[in-house]
Amino acid sequence: MSLNSWTNAMARTPALVVLAIAGLILAGCASADNKLAKDARAPDDLYKLQAQDQADQVMLAVHADGLSAAQQEALAALAARWREGGARAIQINAPHGQVDPVAAYRTAQGARNRLIALGVPAEAINQGSYDAPGDPKAPLTIQFTRFEAVVPACGRSWENLTATEANVVQSNFGCAVTANMAAQIADPADIAGPRASASADAGRRVTIIEGYRKGQITSAASDAKSSGTVSAAVP
């Protein structure tokens, strides 16, 4: 190799080294970006508030002479849970097969009348039957579907919280907040979806519009208790 060729090669070496280092950096960034795109998720994606359907059911033995005292107490407890669980439809299913049909009918009607007496609207009660061949002791089933909040289990495993080079969300991030909300929400049905809007008060609307047209004040009258003045503390 001539002196000029060797000199030119040495002159190009720093540029080649810089290009090589830049390529390694870019490859590392691409790898980190791929890991971030694959693993990084927002906290609300890791732990979403969820509610699942849960069947609440009681089974009553069929009696020809009507409901027993224990059965009436069981229905009272079911009605109380029904009111707390979003007031969805209650299904009464009488056994059909070797069970005495008259006794099954009387038990089903007694259960329906008992629920109505406990405050359940008649239109919220559905009646049907199910096949129970070969079972003379098949029970009457009464059930409704309610929502139950899903509470995530937090803190079972922990990652190295100092490893932040990939900029990913830690696996437990947001779990405690979701668990606390799921445990405190009074009606888990609100998690599954919004409640239906109540009908508008047409009469109140007409009153407000008429007052507005007459130039009257349409807001509610204020009183002393609604004042924003801070009262003096008692010494």
C-alpha atoms as a PDB file:
ATOM      1  CA  MET A   1       0.000   0.000   0.000  1.00  0.00           C
ATOM      2  CA  SER A   2       1.332   3.392  -0.976  1.00  0.00           C
ATOM      3  CA  LEU A   3       1.811   6.191   1.505  1.00  0.00           C
ATOM      4  CA  ASN A   4      -1.090   8.171   0.021  1.00  0.00           C
ATOM      5  CA  SER A   5      -3.483   5.176   0.212  1.00  0.00           C
ATOM      6  CA  TRP A   6      -2.550   4.514   3.824  1.00  0.00           C
ATOM      7  CA  THR A   7      -3.009   8.189   4.683  1.00  0.00           C
ATOM      8  CA  ASN A   8      -6.469   8.262   3.042  1.00  0.00           C
ATOM      9  CA  ALA A   9      -7.553   5.104   4.908  1.00  0.00           C
ATOM     10  CA  MET A  10      -6.496   6.531   8.245  1.00  0.00           C
ATOM     11  CA  ALA A  11      -8.331   9.740   7.449  1.00  0.00           C
ATOM     12  CA  ARG A  12     -11.562   7.795   6.822  1.00  0.00           C
ATOM     13  CA  THR A  13     -11.283   5.692  10.002  1.00  0.00           C
ATOM     14  CA  PRO A  14     -12.783   8.256  12.456  1.00  0.00           C
ATOM     15  CA  ALA A  15     -15.753   8.771  10.165  1.00  0.00           C
ATOM     16  CA  LEU A  16     -16.337   4.994   9.961  1.00  0.00           C
ATOM     17  CA  VAL A  17     -16.114   4.679  13.735  1.00  0.00           C
ATOM     18  CA  VAL A  18     -18.652   7.482  14.204  1.00  0.00           C
ATOM     19  CA  LEU A  19     -21.023   5.855  11.744  1.00  0.00           C
ATOM     20  CA  ALA A  20     -20.686   2.505  13.490  1.00  0.00           C
ATOM     21  CA  ILE A  21     -21.404   4.018  16.891  1.00  0.00           C
ATOM     22  CA  ALA A  22     -24.409   5.900  15.521  1.00  0.00           C
ATOM     23  CA  GLY A  23     -25.737   2.672  14.023  1.00  0.00           C
ATOM     24  CA  LEU A  24     -25.473   0.905  17.374  1.00  0.00           C
ATOM     25  CA  ILE A  25     -27.286   3.765  19.126  1.00  0.00           C
ATOM     26  CA  LEU A  26     -30.084   3.743  16.587  1.00  0.00           C
ATOM     27  CA  ALA A  27     -30.425  -0.011  16.875  1.00  0.00           C
ATOM     28  CA  GLY A  28     -30.687   0.305  20.648  1.00  0.00           C
ATOM     29  CA  CYS A  29     -33.317   3.006  20.337  1.00  0.00           C
ATOM     30  CA  ALA A  30     -35.305   0.878  17.895  1.00  0.00           C
ATOM     31  CA  SER A  31     -35.123  -2.053  20.287  1.00  0.00           C
ATOM     32  CA  ALA A  32     -36.275   0.153  23.156  1.00  0.00           C
ATOM     33  CA  ASP A  33     -39.061   1.587  21.008  1.00  0.00           C
ATOM     34  CA  ASN A  34     -40.226  -1.919  20.096  1.00  0.00           C
ATOM     35  CA  LYS A  35     -40.223  -2.944  23.756  1.00  0.00           C
ATOM     36  CA  LEU A  36     -42.104   0.213  24.675  1.00  0.00           C
ATOM     37  CA  ALA A  37     -44.724  -0.379  21.988  1.00  0.00           C
ATOM     38  CA  LYS A  38     -45.092  -3.988  23.091  1.00  0.00           C
ATOM     39  CA  ASP A  39     -45.075  -3.661  26.884  1.00  0.00           C
ATOM     40  CA  ALA A  40     -46.069  -0.082  27.753  1.00  0.00           C
ATOM     41  CA  ARG A  41     -49.739   0.240  28.528  1.00  0.00           C
ATOM     42  CA  ALA A  42     -51.726   2.969  30.194  1.00  0.00           C
ATOM     43  CA  PRO A  43     -52.836   2.276  33.788  1.00  0.00           C
ATOM     44  CA  ASP A  44     -56.508   2.139  32.798  1.00  0.00           C
ATOM     45  CA  ASP A  45     -55.643  -0.629  30.335  1.00  0.00           C
ATOM     46  CA  LEU A  46     -53.828  -2.646  33.003  1.00  0.00           C
ATOM     47  CA  TYR A  47     -56.604  -2.471  35.590  1.00  0.00           C
ATOM     48  CA  LYS A  48     -60.018  -1.486  34.288  1.00  0.00           C
ATOM     49  CA  LEU A  49     -63.077  -1.299  36.483  1.00  0.00           C
ATOM     50  CA  GLN A  50     -65.152  -4.362  35.663  1.00  0.00           C
ATOM     51  CA  ALA A  51     -68.434  -5.850  36.809  1.00  0.00           C
ATOM     52  CA  GLN A  52     -69.593  -9.370  36.080  1.00  0.00           C
ATOM     53  CA  ASP A  53     -73.035 -10.959  36.181  1.00  0.00           C
ATOM     54  CA  GLN A  54     -73.719 -12.987  39.292  1.00  0.00           C
ATOM     55  CA  ALA A  55     -76.822 -15.154  39.731  1.00  0.00           C
ATOM     56  CA  ASP A  56     -78.582 -14.767  43.084  1.00  0.00           C
ATOM     57  CA  GLN A  57     -80.857 -17.747  43.619  1.00  0.00           C
ATOM     58  CA  VAL A  58     -82.923 -19.466  46.272  1.00  0.00           C
ATOM     59  CA  MET A  59     -84.478 -22.911  45.921  1.00  0.00           C
ATOM     60  CA  LEU A  60     -87.731 -23.743  47.669  1.00  0.00           C
ATOM     61  CA  ALA A  61     -89.121 -27.188  48.313  1.00  0.00           C
ATOM     62  CA  VAL A  62     -92.544 -27.706  46.777  1.00  0.00           C
ATOM     63  CA  HIS A  63     -95.343 -27.802  49.373  1.00  0.00           C
ATOM     64  CA  ALA A  64     -98.996 -28.416  48.641  1.00  0.00           C
ATOM     65  CA  ASP A  65    -100.037 -26.269  51.603  1.00  0.00           C
ATOM     66  CA  GLY A  66     -98.036 -23.158  50.603  1.00  0.00           C
ATOM     67  CA  LEU A  67     -94.862 -21.523  51.822  1.00  0.00           C
ATOM     68  CA  SER A  68     -93.269 -22.380  55.132  1.00  0.00           C
ATOM     69  CA  ALA A  69     -92.002 -19.758  57.580  1.00  0.00           C
ATOM     70  CA  ALA A  70     -88.388 -20.469  56.567  1.00  0.00           C
ATOM     71  CA  GLN A  71     -89.267 -20.037  52.892  1.00  0.00           C
ATOM     72  CA  GLN A  72     -90.936 -16.708  53.595  1.00  0.00           C
ATOM     73  CA  GLU A  73     -87.798 -15.513  55.385  1.00  0.00           C
ATOM     74  CA  ALA A  74     -85.638 -16.671  52.471  1.00  0.00           C
ATOM     75  CA  LEU A  75     -87.809 -14.693  50.048  1.00  0.00           C
ATOM     76  CA  ALA A  76     -87.600 -11.606  52.267  1.00  0.00           C
ATOM     77  CA  ALA A  77     -83.797 -11.799  52.197  1.00  0.00           C
ATOM     78  CA  LEU A  78     -83.864 -12.296  48.415  1.00  0.00           C
ATOM     79  CA  ALA A  79     -86.112  -9.248  47.959  1.00  0.00           C
ATOM     80  CA  ALA A  80     -83.741  -7.143  50.064  1.00  0.00           C
ATOM     81  CA  ARG A  81     -80.765  -8.195  47.921  1.00  0.00           C
ATOM     82  CA  TRP A  82     -82.832  -7.553  44.799  1.00  0.00           C
ATOM     83  CA  ARG A  83     -83.443  -3.945  45.836  1.00  0.00           C
ATOM     84  CA  GLU A  84     -79.732  -3.444  46.508  1.00  0.00           C
ATOM     85  CA  GLY A  85     -78.651  -5.150  43.296  1.00  0.00           C
ATOM     86  CA  GLY A  86     -80.174  -2.838  40.720  1.00  0.00           C
ATOM     87  CA  ALA A  87     -83.793  -4.079  40.719  1.00  0.00           C
ATOM     88  CA  ARG A  88     -83.549  -6.380  37.709  1.00  0.00           C
ATOM     89  CA  ALA A  89     -86.191  -8.943  36.743  1.00  0.00           C
ATOM     90  CA  ILE A  90     -86.850 -11.892  39.069  1.00  0.00           C
ATOM     91  CA  GLN A  91     -87.411 -15.278  37.444  1.00  0.00           C
ATOM     92  CA  ILE A  92     -89.568 -17.976  39.087  1.00  0.00           C
ATOM     93  CA  ASN A  93     -89.205 -21.449  37.563  1.00  0.00           C
ATOM     94  CA  ALA A  94     -91.432 -24.305  38.700  1.00  0.00           C
ATOM     95  CA  PRO A  95     -90.313 -27.920  38.176  1.00  0.00           C
ATOM     96  CA  HIS A  96     -92.134 -29.917  35.524  1.00  0.00           C
ATOM     97  CA  GLY A  97     -92.032 -33.705  35.607  1.00  0.00           C
ATOM     98  CA  GLN A  98     -92.823 -36.082  38.412  1.00  0.00           C
ATOM     99  CA  VAL A  99     -93.488 -33.252  40.868  1.00  0.00           C
ATOM    100  CA  ASP A 100     -97.118 -32.754  41.863  1.00  0.00           C
ATOM    101  CA  PRO A 101     -98.222 -30.009  39.426  1.00  0.00           C
ATOM    102  CA  VAL A 102    -100.817 -28.616  41.822  1.00  0.00           C
ATOM    103  CA  ALA A 103     -98.259 -28.319  44.632  1.00  0.00           C
ATOM    104  CA  ALA A 104     -95.732 -26.736  42.254  1.00  0.00           C
ATOM    105  CA  TYR A 105     -98.313 -24.197  41.103  1.00  0.00           C
ATOM    106  CA  ARG A 106     -99.324 -23.284  44.641  1.00  0.00           C
ATOM    107  CA  THR A 107     -95.714 -22.857  45.717  1.00  0.00           C
ATOM    108  CA  ALA A 108     -94.926 -20.693  42.679  1.00  0.00           C
ATOM    109  CA  GLN A 109     -97.988 -18.505  43.219  1.00  0.00           C
ATOM    110  CA  GLY A 110     -97.242 -18.241  46.910  1.00  0.00           C
ATOM    111  CA  ALA A 111     -93.684 -17.115  46.140  1.00  0.00           C
ATOM    112  CA  ARG A 112     -94.938 -14.554  43.633  1.00  0.00           C
ATOM    113  CA  ASN A 113     -97.512 -13.137  46.059  1.00  0.00           C
ATOM    114  CA  ARG A 114     -94.914 -13.012  48.815  1.00  0.00           C
ATOM    115  CA  LEU A 115     -92.482 -11.042  46.631  1.00  0.00           C
ATOM    116  CA  ILE A 116     -95.204  -8.589  45.635  1.00  0.00           C
ATOM    117  CA  ALA A 117     -96.088  -8.117  49.313  1.00  0.00           C
ATOM    118  CA  LEU A 118     -92.416  -7.379  49.960  1.00  0.00           C
ATOM    119  CA  GLY A 119     -92.492  -4.515  47.450  1.00  0.00           C
ATOM    120  CA  VAL A 120     -91.386  -6.181  44.218  1.00  0.00           C
ATOM    121  CA  PRO A 121     -93.549  -4.889  41.327  1.00  0.00           C
ATOM    122  CA  ALA A 122     -95.602  -7.574  39.610  1.00  0.00           C
ATOM    123  CA  GLU A 123     -94.182  -6.565  36.211  1.00  0.00           C
ATOM    124  CA  ALA A 124     -90.678  -7.341  37.484  1.00  0.00           C
ATOM    125  CA  ILE A 125     -91.565 -10.999  38.150  1.00  0.00           C
ATOM    126  CA  ASN A 126     -91.385 -13.557  35.346  1.00  0.00           C
ATOM    127  CA  GLN A 127     -92.722 -17.092  35.697  1.00  0.00           C
ATOM    128  CA  GLY A 128     -91.719 -20.214  33.823  1.00  0.00           C
ATOM    129  CA  SER A 129     -90.853 -23.867  34.279  1.00  0.00           C
ATOM    130  CA  TYR A 130     -88.016 -26.310  33.794  1.00  0.00           C
ATOM    131  CA  ASP A 131     -87.957 -30.027  33.083  1.00  0.00           C
ATOM    132  CA  ALA A 132     -87.199 -32.232  36.072  1.00  0.00           C
ATOM    133  CA  PRO A 133     -88.115 -35.785  34.994  1.00  0.00           C
ATOM    134  CA  GLY A 134     -87.429 -38.516  37.503  1.00  0.00           C
ATOM    135  CA  ASP A 135     -86.947 -36.111  40.418  1.00  0.00           C
ATOM    136  CA  PRO A 136     -90.016 -35.965  42.701  1.00  0.00           C
ATOM    137  CA  LYS A 137     -88.186 -33.526  45.015  1.00  0.00           C
ATOM    138  CA  ALA A 138     -87.149 -31.004  42.370  1.00  0.00           C
ATOM    139  CA  PRO A 139     -87.265 -27.507  43.929  1.00  0.00           C
ATOM    140  CA  LEU A 140     -88.825 -24.261  42.837  1.00  0.00           C
ATOM    141  CA  THR A 141     -86.051 -21.872  41.768  1.00  0.00           C
ATOM    142  CA  ILE A 142     -86.252 -18.099  42.194  1.00  0.00           C
ATOM    143  CA  GLN A 143     -83.376 -15.973  40.954  1.00  0.00           C
ATOM    144  CA  PHE A 144     -82.265 -12.674  39.532  1.00  0.00           C
ATOM    145  CA  THR A 145     -79.010 -11.525  37.998  1.00  0.00           C
ATOM    146  CA  ARG A 146     -77.008  -8.849  39.750  1.00  0.00           C
ATOM    147  CA  PHE A 147     -73.662  -7.238  39.054  1.00  0.00           C
ATOM    148  CA  GLU A 148     -70.630  -7.879  41.204  1.00  0.00           C
ATOM    149  CA  ALA A 149     -67.529  -5.700  41.087  1.00  0.00           C
ATOM    150  CA  VAL A 150     -64.293  -7.442  40.130  1.00  0.00           C
ATOM    151  CA  VAL A 151     -61.603  -6.520  42.671  1.00  0.00           C
ATOM    152  CA  PRO A 152     -58.082  -7.134  41.306  1.00  0.00           C
ATOM    153  CA  ALA A 153     -55.432  -8.787  43.469  1.00  0.00           C
ATOM    154  CA  CYS A 154     -52.568  -6.327  43.906  1.00  0.00           C
ATOM    155  CA  GLY A 155     -48.978  -6.709  45.001  1.00  0.00           C
ATOM    156  CA  ARG A 156     -48.542 -10.424  44.386  1.00  0.00           C
ATOM    157  CA  SER A 157     -45.301  -9.763  42.546  1.00  0.00           C
ATOM    158  CA  TRP A 158     -43.108  -6.712  42.139  1.00  0.00           C
ATOM    159  CA  GLU A 159     -40.671  -5.694  39.457  1.00  0.00           C
ATOM    160  CA  ASN A 160     -37.463  -3.753  39.843  1.00  0.00           C
ATOM    161  CA  LEU A 161     -38.815  -0.220  40.152  1.00  0.00           C
ATOM    162  CA  THR A 162     -35.381   1.249  39.382  1.00  0.00           C
ATOM    163  CA  ALA A 163     -35.297  -0.368  35.925  1.00  0.00           C
ATOM    164  CA  THR A 164     -36.694   2.530  33.910  1.00  0.00           C
ATOM    165  CA  GLU A 165     -34.623   2.319  30.740  1.00  0.00           C
ATOM    166  CA  ALA A 166     -37.575   0.990  28.706  1.00  0.00           C
ATOM    167  CA  ASN A 167     -39.987   3.587  30.143  1.00  0.00           C
ATOM    168  CA  VAL A 168     -42.736   0.989  30.628  1.00  0.00           C
ATOM    169  CA  VAL A 169     -45.568   1.070  33.157  1.00  0.00           C
ATOM    170  CA  GLN A 170     -45.014  -1.108  36.210  1.00  0.00           C
ATOM    171  CA  SER A 171     -47.348  -4.094  36.453  1.00  0.00           C
ATOM    172  CA  ASN A 172     -48.928  -2.974  39.756  1.00  0.00           C
ATOM    173  CA  PHE A 173     -49.373   0.665  38.771  1.00  0.00           C
ATOM    174  CA  GLY A 174     -53.023   1.660  39.191  1.00  0.00           C
ATOM    175  CA  CYS A 175     -54.116  -1.596  40.798  1.00  0.00           C
ATOM    176  CA  ALA A 176     -54.710  -0.185  44.291  1.00  0.00           C
ATOM    177  CA  VAL A 177     -56.860   2.670  42.948  1.00  0.00           C
ATOM    178  CA  THR A 178     -59.040   0.280  40.945  1.00  0.00           C
ATOM    179  CA  ALA A 179     -59.346  -2.147  43.866  1.00  0.00           C
ATOM    180  CA  ASN A 180     -60.442   0.642  46.232  1.00  0.00           C
ATOM    181  CA  MET A 181     -63.035   1.950  43.776  1.00  0.00           C
ATOM    182  CA  ALA A 182     -64.428  -1.536  43.126  1.00  0.00           C
ATOM    183  CA  ALA A 183     -64.766  -2.142  46.865  1.00  0.00           C
ATOM    184  CA  GLN A 184     -66.539   1.173  47.543  1.00  0.00           C
ATOM    185  CA  ILE A 185     -69.000   1.526  44.642  1.00  0.00           C
ATOM    186  CA  ALA A 186     -72.477   1.020  46.092  1.00  0.00           C
ATOM    187  CA  ASP A 187     -74.082  -0.407  42.943  1.00  0.00           C
ATOM    188  CA  PRO A 188     -71.665  -2.345  40.700  1.00  0.00           C
ATOM    189  CA  ALA A 189     -74.226  -2.061  37.902  1.00  0.00           C
ATOM    190  CA  ASP A 190     -72.945   1.505  37.448  1.00  0.00           C
ATOM    191  CA  ILE A 191     -69.632  -0.015  36.315  1.00  0.00           C
ATOM    192  CA  ALA A 192     -71.296  -2.061  33.591  1.00  0.00           C
ATOM    193  CA  GLY A 193     -73.104   0.935  32.117  1.00  0.00           C
ATOM    194  CA  PRO A 194     -74.820   4.242  32.836  1.00  0.00           C
ATOM    195  CA  ARG A 195     -78.272   4.363  34.315  1.00  0.00           C
ATOM    196  CA  ALA A 196     -81.227   5.359  32.184  1.00  0.00           C
ATOM    197  CA  SER A 197     -82.069   9.041  32.327  1.00  0.00           C
ATOM    198  CA  ALA A 198     -85.219   9.991  34.173  1.00  0.00           C
ATOM    199  CA  SER A 199     -88.031  11.570  32.212  1.00  0.00           C
ATOM    200  CA  ALA A 200     -88.051  15.353  32.000  1.00  0.00           C
ATOM    201  CA  ASP A 201     -90.427  17.397  34.154  1.00  0.00           C
ATOM    202  CA  ALA A 202     -92.596  18.957  31.441  1.00  0.00           C
ATOM    203  CA  GLY A 203     -94.687  20.931  33.918  1.00  0.00           C
ATOM    204  CA  ARG A 204     -91.629  22.533  35.518  1.00  0.00           C
ATOM    205  CA  ARG A 205     -90.238  23.343  32.082  1.00  0.00           C
ATOM    206  CA  VAL A 206     -93.423  25.212  31.102  1.00  0.00           C
ATOM    207  CA  THR A 207     -93.351  27.170  34.375  1.00  0.00           C
ATOM    208  CA  ILE A 208     -89.753  28.268  33.823  1.00  0.00           C
ATOM    209  CA  ILE A 209     -90.388  29.295  30.199  1.00  0.00           C
ATOM    210  CA  GLU A 210     -93.462  31.315  31.136  1.00  0.00           C
ATOM    211  CA  GLY A 211     -91.568  33.097  33.893  1.00  0.00           C
ATOM    212  CA  TYR A 212     -88.708  33.848  31.513  1.00  0.00           C
ATOM    213  CA  ARG A 213     -91.085  35.351  28.967  1.00  0.00           C
ATOM    214  CA  LYS A 214     -92.578  37.585  31.650  1.00  0.00           C
ATOM    215  CA  GLY A 215     -89.151  38.773  32.745  1.00  0.00           C
ATOM    216  CA  GLN A 216     -89.374  37.043  36.100  1.00  0.00           C
ATOM    217  CA  ILE A 217     -86.449  35.497  37.955  1.00  0.00           C
ATOM    218  CA  THR A 218     -86.454  31.791  37.165  1.00  0.00           C
ATOM    219  CA  SER A 219     -83.762  30.680  39.606  1.00  0.00           C
ATOM    220  CA  ALA A 220     -84.576  29.296  43.033  1.00  0.00           C
ATOM    221  CA  ALA A 221     -84.917  31.819  45.836  1.00  0.00           C
ATOM    222  CA  SER A 222     -81.808  32.162  48.005  1.00  0.00           C
ATOM    223  CA  ASP A 223     -81.776  32.095  51.776  1.00  0.00           C
ATOM    224  CA  ALA A 224     -79.342  33.002  54.516  1.00  0.00           C
ATOM    225  CA  LYS A 225     -78.023  29.451  54.786  1.00  0.00           C
ATOM    226  CA  SER A 226     -76.905  29.476  51.165  1.00  0.00           C
ATOM    227  CA  SER A 227     -74.687  32.510  51.688  1.00  0.00           C
ATOM    228  CA  GLY A 228     -70.984  32.043  51.070  1.00  0.00           C
ATOM    229  CA  THR A 229     -69.996  34.254  54.013  1.00  0.00           C
ATOM    230  CA  VAL A 230     -67.662  32.558  56.466  1.00  0.00           C
ATOM    231  CA  SER A 231     -69.156  32.662  59.948  1.00  0.00           C
ATOM    232  CA  ALA A 232     -67.094  33.687  62.954  1.00  0.00           C
ATOM    233  CA  ALA A 233     -65.716  30.836  65.006  1.00  0.00           C
ATOM    234  CA  VAL A 234     -67.142  30.345  68.481  1.00  0.00           C
ATOM    235  CA  PRO A 235     -64.514  31.469  71.012  1.00  0.00           C
END
